[in-house]
Amino acid sequence: MLGPDPRISEYQATQTVAGADIVVVGDPDRETLISALVAALRRYGLAEPAIRIQAADGLSRYRGSGKLRRFIPLSVSVATASRRKIAP
């Protein structure tokens, strides 16, 4: 969804407990993109996904290689703590 959009030159998605925070370089139709991402996450079992999209002029890259880290997963400690809070 993010990669094929011609209005997005690059992006970085950070997984959150409820969904994702996404930073984009470009000017996508945010509402359409959010709706598509929410629908996709629901198909994968996340009941009420929360997606936030913000624009930036550029994204930070690894110093040595210059590569962009597109996806930043939820840390294990955050995920475990979150499950403890919502577990019955």
Protein backbone atom coordinates (compact mmCIF):
# COMPACT_ATOMS: atom_id res chain seq x y z
CA MET A 1 0.00 0.00 0.00
CA LEU A 2 2.75 2.43 0.87
CA GLY A 3 5.38 1.40 -1.67
CA PRO A 4 3.25 1.54 -4.84
CA ASP A 5 1.76 4.97 -4.05
CA PRO A 6 3.43 7.40 -6.49
CA ARG A 7 2.88 10.26 -4.02
CA ILE A 8 5.14 8.58 -1.44
CA SER A 9 8.87 8.60 -2.19
CA GLU A 10 9.80 6.76 1.02
CA TYR A 11 8.26 5.75 4.32
CA GLN A 12 9.01 4.31 7.73
CA ALA A 13 6.42 2.36 9.72
CA THR A 14 6.83 1.86 13.45
CA GLN A 15 4.66 -0.88 14.93
CA THR A 16 2.63 0.16 17.97
CA VAL A 17 0.52 -1.91 20.34
CA ALA A 18 -2.62 -0.71 18.55
CA GLY A 19 -1.35 -0.44 14.97
CA ALA A 20 1.37 1.74 13.46
CA ASP A 21 2.89 5.20 13.33
CA ILE A 22 3.98 5.95 9.79
CA VAL A 23 6.21 8.75 8.56
CA VAL A 24 6.09 9.46 4.83
CA VAL A 25 8.10 11.62 2.50
CA GLY A 26 5.55 12.86 0.01
CA ASP A 27 1.93 13.91 -0.03
CA PRO A 28 -0.40 10.89 -0.09
CA ASP A 29 -4.16 10.95 0.39
CA ARG A 30 -3.91 10.28 4.12
CA GLU A 31 -7.55 9.37 4.75
CA THR A 32 -7.62 6.83 1.92
CA LEU A 33 -4.30 5.37 3.03
CA ILE A 34 -5.40 5.14 6.67
CA SER A 35 -8.65 3.42 5.65
CA ALA A 36 -6.77 0.87 3.54
CA LEU A 37 -4.24 0.15 6.29
CA VAL A 38 -6.95 -0.18 8.95
CA ALA A 39 -8.85 -2.64 6.73
CA ALA A 40 -5.69 -4.68 6.14
CA LEU A 41 -4.86 -4.86 9.85
CA ARG A 42 -8.43 -5.92 10.63
CA ARG A 43 -8.07 -8.78 8.14
CA TYR A 44 -5.01 -9.87 10.13
CA GLY A 45 -6.98 -9.89 13.39
CA LEU A 46 -6.38 -6.49 14.97
CA ALA A 47 -9.89 -5.43 16.07
CA GLU A 48 -9.45 -1.65 16.32
CA PRO A 49 -6.24 -0.63 14.55
CA ALA A 50 -4.88 2.85 15.15
CA ILE A 51 -2.85 4.29 12.28
CA ARG A 52 -1.13 7.67 12.42
CA ILE A 53 0.52 9.17 9.37
CA GLN A 54 2.74 12.22 9.38
CA ALA A 55 4.78 13.84 6.64
CA ALA A 56 8.49 14.59 6.83
CA ASP A 57 11.10 16.10 4.55
CA GLY A 58 13.32 13.05 4.94
CA LEU A 59 13.97 9.95 7.03
CA SER A 60 17.03 8.97 9.02
CA ARG A 61 19.22 6.24 7.60
CA TYR A 62 21.89 3.92 8.92
CA ARG A 63 25.18 5.80 9.07
CA GLY A 64 27.47 3.23 7.52
CA SER A 65 25.27 1.90 4.73
CA GLY A 66 22.85 4.75 4.14
CA LYS A 67 20.01 2.21 4.12
CA LEU A 68 16.55 3.09 5.31
CA ARG A 69 14.86 0.98 7.97
CA ARG A 70 11.29 0.78 6.57
CA PHE A 71 9.73 -1.28 9.38
CA ILE A 72 10.46 -0.94 13.07
CA PRO A 73 8.85 -3.78 15.03
CA LEU A 74 7.27 -3.44 18.43
CA SER A 75 9.88 -4.27 21.03
CA VAL A 76 9.35 -7.53 22.88
CA SER A 77 9.27 -5.77 26.26
CA VAL A 78 6.57 -3.34 25.12
CA ALA A 79 4.45 -6.12 23.61
CA THR A 80 4.75 -8.27 26.74
CA ALA A 81 3.88 -5.38 29.05
CA SER A 82 0.90 -4.49 26.89
CA ARG A 83 -0.47 -8.04 26.98
CA ARG A 84 -0.17 -8.08 30.77
CA LYS A 85 -2.22 -4.90 31.02
CA ILE A 86 -5.07 -6.24 28.89
CA ALA A 87 -5.03 -9.86 30.05
CA PRO A 88 -7.96 -10.84 32.30
